[in-house]
């Protein structure tokens, strides 16, 4: 699990590839991927999780992404006095598991492998 305090910005025609078991957890910040760039995750669990310790931020305050993979949606779950934002397949039950790795061990039901980029038509 990679935990970043602050924000991650993927901008200016760049690509960020992340391969790890638990994906990227952004604590207290924002994930931004502009419409010229690509973010690829290859996790066995949640590929992207933005953790809001204030429990008050809206989706726009934690995620700025050009598109999400087909048949997915952005979801939030409350657990361990935090709000967790992630991407999951439509209809998936997203659940925060444990809290041994503060603020959570794992996010079940979240999409692990994905590509986030603006779809070109």
PDB file of N, CA and C in Angstrom:
ATOM      1  N   UNK A   1       0.850  -1.164   0.000  1.00  0.00           N
ATOM      2  CA  UNK A   1       0.000   0.000   0.000  1.00  0.00           C
ATOM      3  C   UNK A   1       0.896   1.228   0.000  1.00  0.00           C
ATOM      4  N   UNK A   2       0.652   2.127  -0.916  1.00  0.00           N
ATOM      5  CA  UNK A   2       1.360   3.404  -0.958  1.00  0.00           C
ATOM      6  C   UNK A   2       0.426   4.464  -0.394  1.00  0.00           C
ATOM      7  N   UNK A   3       0.833   5.139   0.668  1.00  0.00           N
ATOM      8  CA  UNK A   3       0.004   6.184   1.263  1.00  0.00           C
ATOM      9  C   UNK A   3       0.700   7.513   1.038  1.00  0.00           C
ATOM     10  N   UNK A   4      -0.009   8.435   0.427  1.00  0.00           N
ATOM     11  CA  UNK A   4       0.516   9.769   0.165  1.00  0.00           C
ATOM     12  C   UNK A   4      -0.287  10.776   0.969  1.00  0.00           C
ATOM     13  N   UNK A   5       0.408  11.607   1.719  1.00  0.00           N
ATOM     14  CA  UNK A   5      -0.245  12.726   2.381  1.00  0.00           C
ATOM     15  C   UNK A   5      -0.200  13.880   1.404  1.00  0.00           C
ATOM     16  N   UNK A   6      -1.356  14.429   1.079  1.00  0.00           N
ATOM     17  CA  UNK A   6      -1.408  15.504   0.109  1.00  0.00           C
ATOM     18  C   UNK A   6      -2.077  15.053  -1.164  1.00  0.00           C
ATOM     19  N   UNK A   7      -1.665  15.619  -2.283  1.00  0.00           N
ATOM     20  CA  UNK A   7      -2.346  15.378  -3.556  1.00  0.00           C
ATOM     21  C   UNK A   7      -1.414  14.740  -4.572  1.00  0.00           C
ATOM     22  N   UNK A   8      -2.024  14.058  -5.532  1.00  0.00           N
ATOM     23  CA  UNK A   8      -1.293  13.505  -6.677  1.00  0.00           C
ATOM     24  C   UNK A   8      -1.889  14.127  -7.931  1.00  0.00           C
ATOM     25  N   UNK A   9      -1.017  14.673  -8.769  1.00  0.00           N
ATOM     26  CA  UNK A   9      -1.428  15.318 -10.008  1.00  0.00           C
ATOM     27  C   UNK A   9      -0.767  14.617 -11.191  1.00  0.00           C
ATOM     28  N   UNK A  10      -1.591  14.138 -12.112  1.00  0.00           N
ATOM     29  CA  UNK A  10      -1.093  13.530 -13.343  1.00  0.00           C
ATOM     30  C   UNK A  10      -1.527  14.484 -14.454  1.00  0.00           C
ATOM     31  N   UNK A  11      -0.575  15.270 -14.942  1.00  0.00           N
ATOM     32  CA  UNK A  11      -0.912  16.355 -15.870  1.00  0.00           C
ATOM     33  C   UNK A  11       0.092  16.448 -17.013  1.00  0.00           C
ATOM     34  N   UNK A  12      -0.277  17.247 -18.001  1.00  0.00           N
ATOM     35  CA  UNK A  12       0.608  17.609 -19.110  1.00  0.00           C
ATOM     36  C   UNK A  12       1.073  16.409 -19.932  1.00  0.00           C
ATOM     37  N   UNK A  13       0.094  15.614 -20.381  1.00  0.00           N
ATOM     38  CA  UNK A  13       0.356  14.485 -21.266  1.00  0.00           C
ATOM     39  C   UNK A  13       1.287  13.440 -20.635  1.00  0.00           C
ATOM     40  N   UNK A  14       1.111  13.223 -19.331  1.00  0.00           N
ATOM     41  CA  UNK A  14       1.952  12.247 -18.643  1.00  0.00           C
ATOM     42  C   UNK A  14       1.165  10.973 -18.330  1.00  0.00           C
ATOM     43  N   UNK A  15       1.893   9.926 -17.942  1.00  0.00           N
ATOM     44  CA  UNK A  15       1.293   8.648 -17.569  1.00  0.00           C
ATOM     45  C   UNK A  15       1.876   8.224 -16.229  1.00  0.00           C
ATOM     46  N   UNK A  16       1.007   7.802 -15.320  1.00  0.00           N
ATOM     47  CA  UNK A  16       1.427   7.239 -14.048  1.00  0.00           C
ATOM     48  C   UNK A  16       0.910   5.812 -13.994  1.00  0.00           C
ATOM     49  N   UNK A  17       1.837   4.852 -13.811  1.00  0.00           N
ATOM     50  CA  UNK A  17       1.470   3.444 -13.699  1.00  0.00           C
ATOM     51  C   UNK A  17       1.775   2.993 -12.277  1.00  0.00           C
ATOM     52  N   UNK A  18       0.793   2.357 -11.650  1.00  0.00           N
ATOM     53  CA  UNK A  18       0.942   1.898 -10.275  1.00  0.00           C
ATOM     54  C   UNK A  18       0.612   0.416 -10.222  1.00  0.00           C
ATOM     55  N   UNK A  19       1.567  -0.386  -9.755  1.00  0.00           N
ATOM     56  CA  UNK A  19       1.353  -1.818  -9.591  1.00  0.00           C
ATOM     57  C   UNK A  19       1.736  -2.202  -8.170  1.00  0.00           C
ATOM     58  N   UNK A  20       0.751  -2.595  -7.397  1.00  0.00           N
ATOM     59  CA  UNK A  20       0.998  -3.069  -6.041  1.00  0.00           C
ATOM     60  C   UNK A  20      -0.279  -3.727  -5.536  1.00  0.00           C
ATOM     61  N   UNK A  21      -0.194  -4.438  -4.452  1.00  0.00           N
ATOM     62  CA  UNK A  21      -1.336  -5.194  -3.957  1.00  0.00           C
ATOM     63  C   UNK A  21      -2.517  -4.293  -3.603  1.00  0.00           C
ATOM     64  N   UNK A  22      -2.286  -3.242  -2.853  1.00  0.00           N
ATOM     65  CA  UNK A  22      -3.386  -2.434  -2.344  1.00  0.00           C
ATOM     66  C   UNK A  22      -3.609  -1.114  -3.068  1.00  0.00           C
ATOM     67  N   UNK A  23      -2.834  -0.766  -4.034  1.00  0.00           N
ATOM     68  CA  UNK A  23      -3.058   0.459  -4.779  1.00  0.00           C
ATOM     69  C   UNK A  23      -2.530   1.694  -4.086  1.00  0.00           C
ATOM     70  N   UNK A  24      -3.080   2.839  -4.472  1.00  0.00           N
ATOM     71  CA  UNK A  24      -2.630   4.126  -3.967  1.00  0.00           C
ATOM     72  C   UNK A  24      -3.686   4.708  -3.043  1.00  0.00           C
ATOM     73  N   UNK A  25      -3.282   5.026  -1.829  1.00  0.00           N
ATOM     74  CA  UNK A  25      -4.153   5.711  -0.875  1.00  0.00           C
ATOM     75  C   UNK A  25      -3.646   7.135  -0.747  1.00  0.00           C
ATOM     76  N   UNK A  26      -4.518   8.086  -1.005  1.00  0.00           N
ATOM     77  CA  UNK A  26      -4.177   9.497  -0.884  1.00  0.00           C
ATOM     78  C   UNK A  26      -4.872  10.001   0.371  1.00  0.00           C
ATOM     79  N   UNK A  27      -4.101  10.428   1.345  1.00  0.00           N
ATOM     80  CA  UNK A  27      -4.654  10.814   2.637  1.00  0.00           C
ATOM     81  C   UNK A  27      -4.769  12.332   2.731  1.00  0.00           C
ATOM     82  N   UNK A  28      -6.008  12.805   2.843  1.00  0.00           N
ATOM     83  CA  UNK A  28      -6.252  14.226   3.056  1.00  0.00           C
ATOM     84  C   UNK A  28      -6.015  15.110   1.849  1.00  0.00           C
ATOM     85  N   UNK A  29      -5.878  14.534   0.679  1.00  0.00           N
ATOM     86  CA  UNK A  29      -5.588  15.330  -0.507  1.00  0.00           C
ATOM     87  C   UNK A  29      -6.559  15.066  -1.637  1.00  0.00           C
ATOM     88  N   UNK A  30      -6.070  15.242  -2.851  1.00  0.00           N
ATOM     89  CA  UNK A  30      -6.905  15.125  -4.044  1.00  0.00           C
ATOM     90  C   UNK A  30      -6.130  14.410  -5.139  1.00  0.00           C
ATOM     91  N   UNK A  31      -6.842  13.599  -5.921  1.00  0.00           N
ATOM     92  CA  UNK A  31      -6.278  12.983  -7.119  1.00  0.00           C
ATOM     93  C   UNK A  31      -6.768  13.774  -8.319  1.00  0.00           C
ATOM     94  N   UNK A  32      -5.825  14.258  -9.123  1.00  0.00           N
ATOM     95  CA  UNK A  32      -6.163  14.982 -10.344  1.00  0.00           C
ATOM     96  C   UNK A  32      -5.474  14.303 -11.521  1.00  0.00           C
ATOM     97  N   UNK A  33      -6.277  13.955 -12.531  1.00  0.00           N
ATOM     98  CA  UNK A  33      -5.757  13.456 -13.804  1.00  0.00           C
ATOM     99  C   UNK A  33      -6.368  14.365 -14.862  1.00  0.00           C
ATOM    100  N   UNK A  34      -5.529  15.111 -15.586  1.00  0.00           N
ATOM    101  CA  UNK A  34      -6.106  16.013 -16.587  1.00  0.00           C
ATOM    102  C   UNK A  34      -6.490  15.245 -17.845  1.00  0.00           C
ATOM    103  N   UNK A  35      -7.143  15.932 -18.782  1.00  0.00           N
ATOM    104  CA  UNK A  35      -7.695  15.243 -19.954  1.00  0.00           C
ATOM    105  C   UNK A  35      -6.649  14.897 -21.022  1.00  0.00           C
ATOM    106  N   UNK A  36      -5.363  15.176 -20.748  1.00  0.00           N
ATOM    107  CA  UNK A  36      -4.301  14.767 -21.671  1.00  0.00           C
ATOM    108  C   UNK A  36      -3.475  13.609 -21.125  1.00  0.00           C
ATOM    109  N   UNK A  37      -3.766  13.177 -19.896  1.00  0.00           N
ATOM    110  CA  UNK A  37      -2.911  12.215 -19.203  1.00  0.00           C
ATOM    111  C   UNK A  37      -3.631  10.914 -18.885  1.00  0.00           C
ATOM    112  N   UNK A  38      -2.862   9.940 -18.384  1.00  0.00           N
ATOM    113  CA  UNK A  38      -3.382   8.609 -18.101  1.00  0.00           C
ATOM    114  C   UNK A  38      -2.882   8.125 -16.745  1.00  0.00           C
ATOM    115  N   UNK A  39      -3.777   7.490 -15.994  1.00  0.00           N
ATOM    116  CA  UNK A  39      -3.422   6.800 -14.757  1.00  0.00           C
ATOM    117  C   UNK A  39      -3.814   5.346 -14.913  1.00  0.00           C
ATOM    118  N   UNK A  40      -2.864   4.436 -14.716  1.00  0.00           N
ATOM    119  CA  UNK A  40      -3.136   3.001 -14.809  1.00  0.00           C
ATOM    120  C   UNK A  40      -2.808   2.365 -13.471  1.00  0.00           C
ATOM    121  N   UNK A  41      -3.734   1.559 -12.951  1.00  0.00           N
ATOM    122  CA  UNK A  41      -3.474   0.826 -11.720  1.00  0.00           C
ATOM    123  C   UNK A  41      -3.640  -0.662 -11.986  1.00  0.00           C
ATOM    124  N   UNK A  42      -2.840  -1.441 -11.297  1.00  0.00           N
ATOM    125  CA  UNK A  42      -2.910  -2.891 -11.424  1.00  0.00           C
ATOM    126  C   UNK A  42      -2.779  -3.481 -10.024  1.00  0.00           C
ATOM    127  N   UNK A  43      -3.805  -3.277  -9.214  1.00  0.00           N
ATOM    128  CA  UNK A  43      -3.813  -3.744  -7.828  1.00  0.00           C
ATOM    129  C   UNK A  43      -4.766  -4.927  -7.695  1.00  0.00           C
ATOM    130  N   UNK A  44      -4.522  -5.764  -6.721  1.00  0.00           N
ATOM    131  CA  UNK A  44      -5.449  -6.866  -6.459  1.00  0.00           C
ATOM    132  C   UNK A  44      -6.601  -6.392  -5.580  1.00  0.00           C
ATOM    133  N   UNK A  45      -6.447  -5.235  -4.986  1.00  0.00           N
ATOM    134  CA  UNK A  45      -7.506  -4.623  -4.185  1.00  0.00           C
ATOM    135  C   UNK A  45      -7.816  -3.271  -4.813  1.00  0.00           C
ATOM    136  N   UNK A  46      -8.122  -2.288  -4.024  1.00  0.00           N
ATOM    137  CA  UNK A  46      -8.479  -0.969  -4.540  1.00  0.00           C
ATOM    138  C   UNK A  46      -7.292  -0.311  -5.234  1.00  0.00           C
ATOM    139  N   UNK A  47      -7.480   0.088  -6.476  1.00  0.00           N
ATOM    140  CA  UNK A  47      -6.428   0.770  -7.222  1.00  0.00           C
ATOM    141  C   UNK A  47      -6.224   2.191  -6.759  1.00  0.00           C
ATOM    142  N   UNK A  48      -7.329   2.849  -6.412  1.00  0.00           N
ATOM    143  CA  UNK A  48      -7.286   4.242  -5.972  1.00  0.00           C
ATOM    144  C   UNK A  48      -8.220   4.396  -4.781  1.00  0.00           C
ATOM    145  N   UNK A  49      -7.705   5.024  -3.726  1.00  0.00           N
ATOM    146  CA  UNK A  49      -8.540   5.380  -2.587  1.00  0.00           C
ATOM    147  C   UNK A  49      -8.102   6.760  -2.116  1.00  0.00           C
ATOM    148  N   UNK A  50      -9.052   7.683  -2.045  1.00  0.00           N
ATOM    149  CA  UNK A  50      -8.777   8.992  -1.464  1.00  0.00           C
ATOM    150  C   UNK A  50      -9.461   9.008  -0.106  1.00  0.00           C
ATOM    151  N   UNK A  51      -8.665   9.255   0.933  1.00  0.00           N
ATOM    152  CA  UNK A  51      -9.158   9.216   2.302  1.00  0.00           C
ATOM    153  C   UNK A  51      -9.364  10.640   2.792  1.00  0.00           C
ATOM    154  N   UNK A  52     -10.595  10.940   3.223  1.00  0.00           N
ATOM    155  CA  UNK A  52     -10.943  12.249   3.762  1.00  0.00           C
ATOM    156  C   UNK A  52     -11.106  12.124   5.278  1.00  0.00           C
ATOM    157  N   UNK A  53     -10.100  12.539   6.054  1.00  0.00           N
ATOM    158  CA  UNK A  53     -10.208  12.418   7.500  1.00  0.00           C
ATOM    159  C   UNK A  53     -11.243  13.371   8.105  1.00  0.00           C
ATOM    160  N   UNK A  54     -11.616  14.418   7.372  1.00  0.00           N
ATOM    161  CA  UNK A  54     -12.621  15.358   7.885  1.00  0.00           C
ATOM    162  C   UNK A  54     -14.040  14.831   7.696  1.00  0.00           C
ATOM    163  N   UNK A  55     -14.208  13.840   6.822  1.00  0.00           N
ATOM    164  CA  UNK A  55     -15.502  13.240   6.479  1.00  0.00           C
ATOM    165  C   UNK A  55     -16.477  14.230   5.839  1.00  0.00           C
ATOM    166  N   UNK A  56     -15.991  15.363   5.338  1.00  0.00           N
ATOM    167  CA  UNK A  56     -16.888  16.413   4.842  1.00  0.00           C
ATOM    168  C   UNK A  56     -16.711  16.754   3.368  1.00  0.00           C
ATOM    169  N   UNK A  57     -15.641  16.291   2.748  1.00  0.00           N
ATOM    170  CA  UNK A  57     -15.358  16.706   1.374  1.00  0.00           C
ATOM    171  C   UNK A  57     -16.296  16.038   0.381  1.00  0.00           C
ATOM    172  N   UNK A  58     -16.586  16.773  -0.693  1.00  0.00           N
ATOM    173  CA  UNK A  58     -17.408  16.246  -1.776  1.00  0.00           C
ATOM    174  C   UNK A  58     -16.511  15.538  -2.790  1.00  0.00           C
ATOM    175  N   UNK A  59     -17.132  14.825  -3.699  1.00  0.00           N
ATOM    176  CA  UNK A  59     -16.381  14.115  -4.736  1.00  0.00           C
ATOM    177  C   UNK A  59     -15.473  15.059  -5.510  1.00  0.00           C
ATOM    178  N   UNK A  60     -15.969  16.232  -5.873  1.00  0.00           N
ATOM    179  CA  UNK A  60     -15.167  17.188  -6.634  1.00  0.00           C
ATOM    180  C   UNK A  60     -13.963  17.697  -5.851  1.00  0.00           C
ATOM    181  N   UNK A  61     -14.034  17.664  -4.538  1.00  0.00           N
ATOM    182  CA  UNK A  61     -12.920  18.127  -3.707  1.00  0.00           C
ATOM    183  C   UNK A  61     -11.819  17.067  -3.554  1.00  0.00           C
ATOM    184  N   UNK A  62     -12.116  15.814  -3.879  1.00  0.00           N
ATOM    185  CA  UNK A  62     -11.115  14.751  -3.719  1.00  0.00           C
ATOM    186  C   UNK A  62     -10.702  14.107  -5.035  1.00  0.00           C
ATOM    187  N   UNK A  63     -11.526  14.235  -6.077  1.00  0.00           N
ATOM    188  CA  UNK A  63     -11.227  13.626  -7.376  1.00  0.00           C
ATOM    189  C   UNK A  63     -11.498  14.592  -8.514  1.00  0.00           C
ATOM    190  N   UNK A  64     -10.535  14.728  -9.394  1.00  0.00           N
ATOM    191  CA  UNK A  64     -10.722  15.468 -10.634  1.00  0.00           C
ATOM    192  C   UNK A  64     -10.142  14.589 -11.732  1.00  0.00           C
ATOM    193  N   UNK A  65     -11.020  13.814 -12.360  1.00  0.00           N
ATOM    194  CA  UNK A  65     -10.584  12.865 -13.375  1.00  0.00           C
ATOM    195  C   UNK A  65     -11.450  13.021 -14.616  1.00  0.00           C
ATOM    196  N   UNK A  66     -10.863  12.783 -15.803  1.00  0.00           N
ATOM    197  CA  UNK A  66     -11.591  13.052 -17.038  1.00  0.00           C
ATOM    198  C   UNK A  66     -12.670  12.026 -17.368  1.00  0.00           C
ATOM    199  N   UNK A  67     -12.538  10.815 -16.861  1.00  0.00           N
ATOM    200  CA  UNK A  67     -13.484   9.752 -17.182  1.00  0.00           C
ATOM    201  C   UNK A  67     -13.210   8.588 -16.240  1.00  0.00           C
ATOM    202  N   UNK A  68     -14.153   7.674 -16.129  1.00  0.00           N
ATOM    203  CA  UNK A  68     -13.932   6.459 -15.362  1.00  0.00           C
ATOM    204  C   UNK A  68     -14.196   5.267 -16.270  1.00  0.00           C
ATOM    205  N   UNK A  69     -13.656   4.106 -15.925  1.00  0.00           N
ATOM    206  CA  UNK A  69     -13.864   2.940 -16.782  1.00  0.00           C
ATOM    207  C   UNK A  69     -15.345   2.598 -16.956  1.00  0.00           C
ATOM    208  N   UNK A  70     -15.672   1.986 -18.078  1.00  0.00           N
ATOM    209  CA  UNK A  70     -17.036   1.578 -18.402  1.00  0.00           C
ATOM    210  C   UNK A  70     -17.601   0.680 -17.305  1.00  0.00           C
ATOM    211  N   UNK A  71     -18.860   0.873 -16.984  1.00  0.00           N
ATOM    212  CA  UNK A  71     -19.604   0.062 -16.024  1.00  0.00           C
ATOM    213  C   UNK A  71     -19.092   0.215 -14.587  1.00  0.00           C
ATOM    214  N   UNK A  72     -18.532   1.395 -14.274  1.00  0.00           N
ATOM    215  CA  UNK A  72     -18.075   1.686 -12.916  1.00  0.00           C
ATOM    216  C   UNK A  72     -18.699   2.991 -12.436  1.00  0.00           C
ATOM    217  N   UNK A  73     -18.570   3.228 -11.140  1.00  0.00           N
ATOM    218  CA  UNK A  73     -18.959   4.517 -10.595  1.00  0.00           C
ATOM    219  C   UNK A  73     -18.031   4.877  -9.442  1.00  0.00           C
ATOM    220  N   UNK A  74     -18.073   6.128  -9.057  1.00  0.00           N
ATOM    221  CA  UNK A  74     -17.285   6.612  -7.933  1.00  0.00           C
ATOM    222  C   UNK A  74     -18.150   6.478  -6.697  1.00  0.00           C
ATOM    223  N   UNK A  75     -17.612   5.870  -5.656  1.00  0.00           N
ATOM    224  CA  UNK A  75     -18.375   5.637  -4.435  1.00  0.00           C
ATOM    225  C   UNK A  75     -17.595   6.139  -3.229  1.00  0.00           C
ATOM    226  N   UNK A  76     -18.340   6.408  -2.157  1.00  0.00           N
ATOM    227  CA  UNK A  76     -17.701   6.752  -0.887  1.00  0.00           C
ATOM    228  C   UNK A  76     -18.293   5.873   0.203  1.00  0.00           C
ATOM    229  N   UNK A  77     -17.444   5.559   1.186  1.00  0.00           N
ATOM    230  CA  UNK A  77     -17.862   4.757   2.331  1.00  0.00           C
ATOM    231  C   UNK A  77     -17.288   5.409   3.591  1.00  0.00           C
ATOM    232  N   UNK A  78     -18.058   5.367   4.650  1.00  0.00           N
ATOM    233  CA  UNK A  78     -17.608   5.895   5.932  1.00  0.00           C
ATOM    234  C   UNK A  78     -17.156   4.734   6.806  1.00  0.00           C
ATOM    235  N   UNK A  79     -15.988   4.871   7.431  1.00  0.00           N
ATOM    236  CA  UNK A  79     -15.487   3.860   8.358  1.00  0.00           C
ATOM    237  C   UNK A  79     -14.294   4.431   9.125  1.00  0.00           C
ATOM    238  N   UNK A  80     -14.114   3.969  10.340  1.00  0.00           N
ATOM    239  CA  UNK A  80     -12.948   4.341  11.145  1.00  0.00           C
ATOM    240  C   UNK A  80     -12.748   5.859  11.224  1.00  0.00           C
ATOM    241  N   UNK A  81     -13.848   6.603  11.319  1.00  0.00           N
ATOM    242  CA  UNK A  81     -13.818   8.067  11.413  1.00  0.00           C
ATOM    243  C   UNK A  81     -13.193   8.746  10.197  1.00  0.00           C
ATOM    244  N   UNK A  82     -13.347   8.125   9.021  1.00  0.00           N
ATOM    245  CA  UNK A  82     -12.853   8.677   7.760  1.00  0.00           C
ATOM    246  C   UNK A  82     -13.879   8.394   6.664  1.00  0.00           C
ATOM    247  N   UNK A  83     -13.796   9.181   5.596  1.00  0.00           N
ATOM    248  CA  UNK A  83     -14.600   8.937   4.405  1.00  0.00           C
ATOM    249  C   UNK A  83     -13.640   8.473   3.308  1.00  0.00           C
ATOM    250  N   UNK A  84     -13.943   7.323   2.704  1.00  0.00           N
ATOM    251  CA  UNK A  84     -13.090   6.728   1.696  1.00  0.00           C
ATOM    252  C   UNK A  84     -13.762   6.842   0.331  1.00  0.00           C
ATOM    253  N   UNK A  85     -13.066   7.416  -0.653  1.00  0.00           N
ATOM    254  CA  UNK A  85     -13.565   7.548  -2.024  1.00  0.00           C
ATOM    255  C   UNK A  85     -12.789   6.588  -2.916  1.00  0.00           C
ATOM    256  N   UNK A  86     -13.501   5.843  -3.770  1.00  0.00           N
ATOM    257  CA  UNK A  86     -12.854   4.903  -4.675  1.00  0.00           C
ATOM    258  C   UNK A  86     -13.732   4.674  -5.901  1.00  0.00           C
ATOM    259  N   UNK A  87     -13.270   3.837  -6.806  1.00  0.00           N
ATOM    260  CA  UNK A  87     -14.026   3.480  -8.005  1.00  0.00           C
ATOM    261  C   UNK A  87     -14.354   1.997  -7.920  1.00  0.00           C
ATOM    262  N   UNK A  88     -15.608   1.656  -8.212  1.00  0.00           N
ATOM    263  CA  UNK A  88     -16.065   0.267  -8.133  1.00  0.00           C
ATOM    264  C   UNK A  88     -16.965  -0.046  -9.314  1.00  0.00           C
ATOM    265  N   UNK A  89     -17.071  -1.332  -9.631  1.00  0.00           N
ATOM    266  CA  UNK A  89     -18.034  -1.741 -10.653  1.00  0.00           C
ATOM    267  C   UNK A  89     -19.432  -1.413 -10.150  1.00  0.00           C
ATOM    268  N   UNK A  90     -20.306  -1.035 -11.050  1.00  0.00           N
ATOM    269  CA  UNK A  90     -21.677  -0.720 -10.679  1.00  0.00           C
ATOM    270  C   UNK A  90     -22.294  -1.942 -10.013  1.00  0.00           C
ATOM    271  N   UNK A  91     -22.883  -1.745  -8.855  1.00  0.00           N
ATOM    272  CA  UNK A  91     -23.519  -2.821  -8.114  1.00  0.00           C
ATOM    273  C   UNK A  91     -22.621  -3.517  -7.100  1.00  0.00           C
ATOM    274  N   UNK A  92     -21.329  -3.191  -7.087  1.00  0.00           N
ATOM    275  CA  UNK A  92     -20.419  -3.812  -6.116  1.00  0.00           C
ATOM    276  C   UNK A  92     -20.663  -3.244  -4.721  1.00  0.00           C
ATOM    277  N   UNK A  93     -20.568  -4.109  -3.732  1.00  0.00           N
ATOM    278  CA  UNK A  93     -20.640  -3.675  -2.336  1.00  0.00           C
ATOM    279  C   UNK A  93     -19.226  -3.313  -1.898  1.00  0.00           C
ATOM    280  N   UNK A  94     -19.003  -2.042  -1.598  1.00  0.00           N
ATOM    281  CA  UNK A  94     -17.684  -1.566  -1.188  1.00  0.00           C
ATOM    282  C   UNK A  94     -17.644  -1.510   0.332  1.00  0.00           C
ATOM    283  N   UNK A  95     -16.563  -2.068   0.888  1.00  0.00           N
ATOM    284  CA  UNK A  95     -16.465  -2.194   2.342  1.00  0.00           C
ATOM    285  C   UNK A  95     -15.030  -1.955   2.800  1.00  0.00           C
ATOM    286  N   UNK A  96     -14.881  -1.194   3.880  1.00  0.00           N
ATOM    287  CA  UNK A  96     -13.582  -0.978   4.505  1.00  0.00           C
ATOM    288  C   UNK A  96     -13.350  -2.121   5.475  1.00  0.00           C
ATOM    289  N   UNK A  97     -12.184  -2.758   5.371  1.00  0.00           N
ATOM    290  CA  UNK A  97     -11.883  -3.925   6.184  1.00  0.00           C
ATOM    291  C   UNK A  97     -10.748  -3.598   7.150  1.00  0.00           C
ATOM    292  N   UNK A  98     -10.992  -3.771   8.441  1.00  0.00           N
ATOM    293  CA  UNK A  98      -9.962  -3.593   9.460  1.00  0.00           C
ATOM    294  C   UNK A  98      -9.496  -2.166   9.622  1.00  0.00           C
ATOM    295  N   UNK A  99      -8.631  -1.964  10.580  1.00  0.00           N
ATOM    296  CA  UNK A  99      -8.003  -0.656  10.763  1.00  0.00           C
ATOM    297  C   UNK A  99      -6.613  -0.802  11.368  1.00  0.00           C
ATOM    298  N   UNK A 100      -5.953  -1.926  11.104  1.00  0.00           N
ATOM    299  CA  UNK A 100      -4.598  -2.127  11.613  1.00  0.00           C
ATOM    300  C   UNK A 100      -3.586  -1.235  10.900  1.00  0.00           C
ATOM    301  N   UNK A 101      -3.820  -0.950   9.619  1.00  0.00           N
ATOM    302  CA  UNK A 101      -2.986  -0.008   8.872  1.00  0.00           C
ATOM    303  C   UNK A 101      -3.796   1.278   8.780  1.00  0.00           C
ATOM    304  N   UNK A 102      -3.599   2.145   9.724  1.00  0.00           N
ATOM    305  CA  UNK A 102      -4.410   3.344   9.891  1.00  0.00           C
ATOM    306  C   UNK A 102      -4.506   4.117   8.588  1.00  0.00           C
ATOM    307  N   UNK A 103      -5.676   4.441   8.086  1.00  0.00           N
ATOM    308  CA  UNK A 103      -6.991   4.255   8.694  1.00  0.00           C
ATOM    309  C   UNK A 103      -7.728   2.990   8.265  1.00  0.00           C
ATOM    310  N   UNK A 104      -7.110   2.127   7.426  1.00  0.00           N
ATOM    311  CA  UNK A 104      -7.790   0.891   7.005  1.00  0.00           C
ATOM    312  C   UNK A 104      -6.783  -0.093   6.452  1.00  0.00           C
ATOM    313  N   UNK A 105      -7.127  -1.365   6.527  1.00  0.00           N
ATOM    314  CA  UNK A 105      -6.279  -2.408   5.948  1.00  0.00           C
ATOM    315  C   UNK A 105      -6.551  -2.598   4.465  1.00  0.00           C
ATOM    316  N   UNK A 106      -7.819  -2.563   4.076  1.00  0.00           N
ATOM    317  CA  UNK A 106      -8.189  -2.912   2.711  1.00  0.00           C
ATOM    318  C   UNK A 106      -9.569  -2.340   2.400  1.00  0.00           C
ATOM    319  N   UNK A 107      -9.845  -2.156   1.123  1.00  0.00           N
ATOM    320  CA  UNK A 107     -11.156  -1.730   0.652  1.00  0.00           C
ATOM    321  C   UNK A 107     -11.660  -2.835  -0.264  1.00  0.00           C
ATOM    322  N   UNK A 108     -12.617  -3.614   0.199  1.00  0.00           N
ATOM    323  CA  UNK A 108     -13.169  -4.702  -0.609  1.00  0.00           C
ATOM    324  C   UNK A 108     -14.236  -4.152  -1.550  1.00  0.00           C
ATOM    325  N   UNK A 109     -14.300  -4.729  -2.742  1.00  0.00           N
ATOM    326  CA  UNK A 109     -15.307  -4.344  -3.719  1.00  0.00           C
ATOM    327  C   UNK A 109     -14.881  -3.217  -4.641  1.00  0.00           C
ATOM    328  N   UNK A 110     -13.751  -2.587  -4.349  1.00  0.00           N
ATOM    329  CA  UNK A 110     -13.245  -1.504  -5.198  1.00  0.00           C
ATOM    330  C   UNK A 110     -12.512  -2.097  -6.394  1.00  0.00           C
ATOM    331  N   UNK A 111     -12.467  -1.349  -7.473  1.00  0.00           N
ATOM    332  CA  UNK A 111     -11.781  -1.782  -8.687  1.00  0.00           C
ATOM    333  C   UNK A 111     -10.271  -1.653  -8.490  1.00  0.00           C
ATOM    334  N   UNK A 112      -9.530  -2.722  -8.762  1.00  0.00           N
ATOM    335  CA  UNK A 112      -8.079  -2.701  -8.585  1.00  0.00           C
ATOM    336  C   UNK A 112      -7.332  -2.384  -9.862  1.00  0.00           C
ATOM    337  N   UNK A 113      -7.768  -2.991 -10.949  1.00  0.00           N
ATOM    338  CA  UNK A 113      -7.105  -2.782 -12.232  1.00  0.00           C
ATOM    339  C   UNK A 113      -7.962  -1.858 -13.078  1.00  0.00           C
ATOM    340  N   UNK A 114      -7.388  -0.720 -13.472  1.00  0.00           N
ATOM    341  CA  UNK A 114      -8.151   0.240 -14.273  1.00  0.00           C
ATOM    342  C   UNK A 114      -7.229   1.192 -15.016  1.00  0.00           C
ATOM    343  N   UNK A 115      -7.801   1.829 -16.018  1.00  0.00           N
ATOM    344  CA  UNK A 115      -7.130   2.910 -16.730  1.00  0.00           C
ATOM    345  C   UNK A 115      -8.055   4.108 -16.715  1.00  0.00           C
ATOM    346  N   UNK A 116      -7.512   5.227 -16.250  1.00  0.00           N
ATOM    347  CA  UNK A 116      -8.281   6.465 -16.217  1.00  0.00           C
ATOM    348  C   UNK A 116      -7.665   7.410 -17.230  1.00  0.00           C
ATOM    349  N   UNK A 117      -8.435   7.750 -18.236  1.00  0.00           N
ATOM    350  CA  UNK A 117      -8.005   8.696 -19.260  1.00  0.00           C
ATOM    351  C   UNK A 117      -9.227   9.196 -19.999  1.00  0.00           C
ATOM    352  N   UNK A 118      -9.083  10.285 -20.653  1.00  0.00           N
ATOM    353  CA  UNK A 118     -10.192  10.829 -21.436  1.00  0.00           C
ATOM    354  C   UNK A 118     -10.363   9.963 -22.673  1.00  0.00           C
ATOM    355  N   UNK A 119     -11.573   9.481 -22.877  1.00  0.00           N
ATOM    356  CA  UNK A 119     -11.860   8.673 -24.058  1.00  0.00           C
ATOM    357  C   UNK A 119     -11.911   9.573 -25.289  1.00  0.00           C
ATOM    358  N   UNK A 120     -11.185   9.194 -26.287  1.00  0.00           N
ATOM    359  CA  UNK A 120     -11.158   9.944 -27.551  1.00  0.00           C
ATOM    360  C   UNK A 120     -12.127   9.294 -28.520  1.00  0.00           C
ATOM    361  N   UNK A 121     -12.986  10.081 -29.113  1.00  0.00           N
ATOM    362  CA  UNK A 121     -13.971   9.554 -30.072  1.00  0.00           C
ATOM    363  C   UNK A 121     -13.570   9.935 -31.480  1.00  0.00           C
TER     364      UNK A 121
END
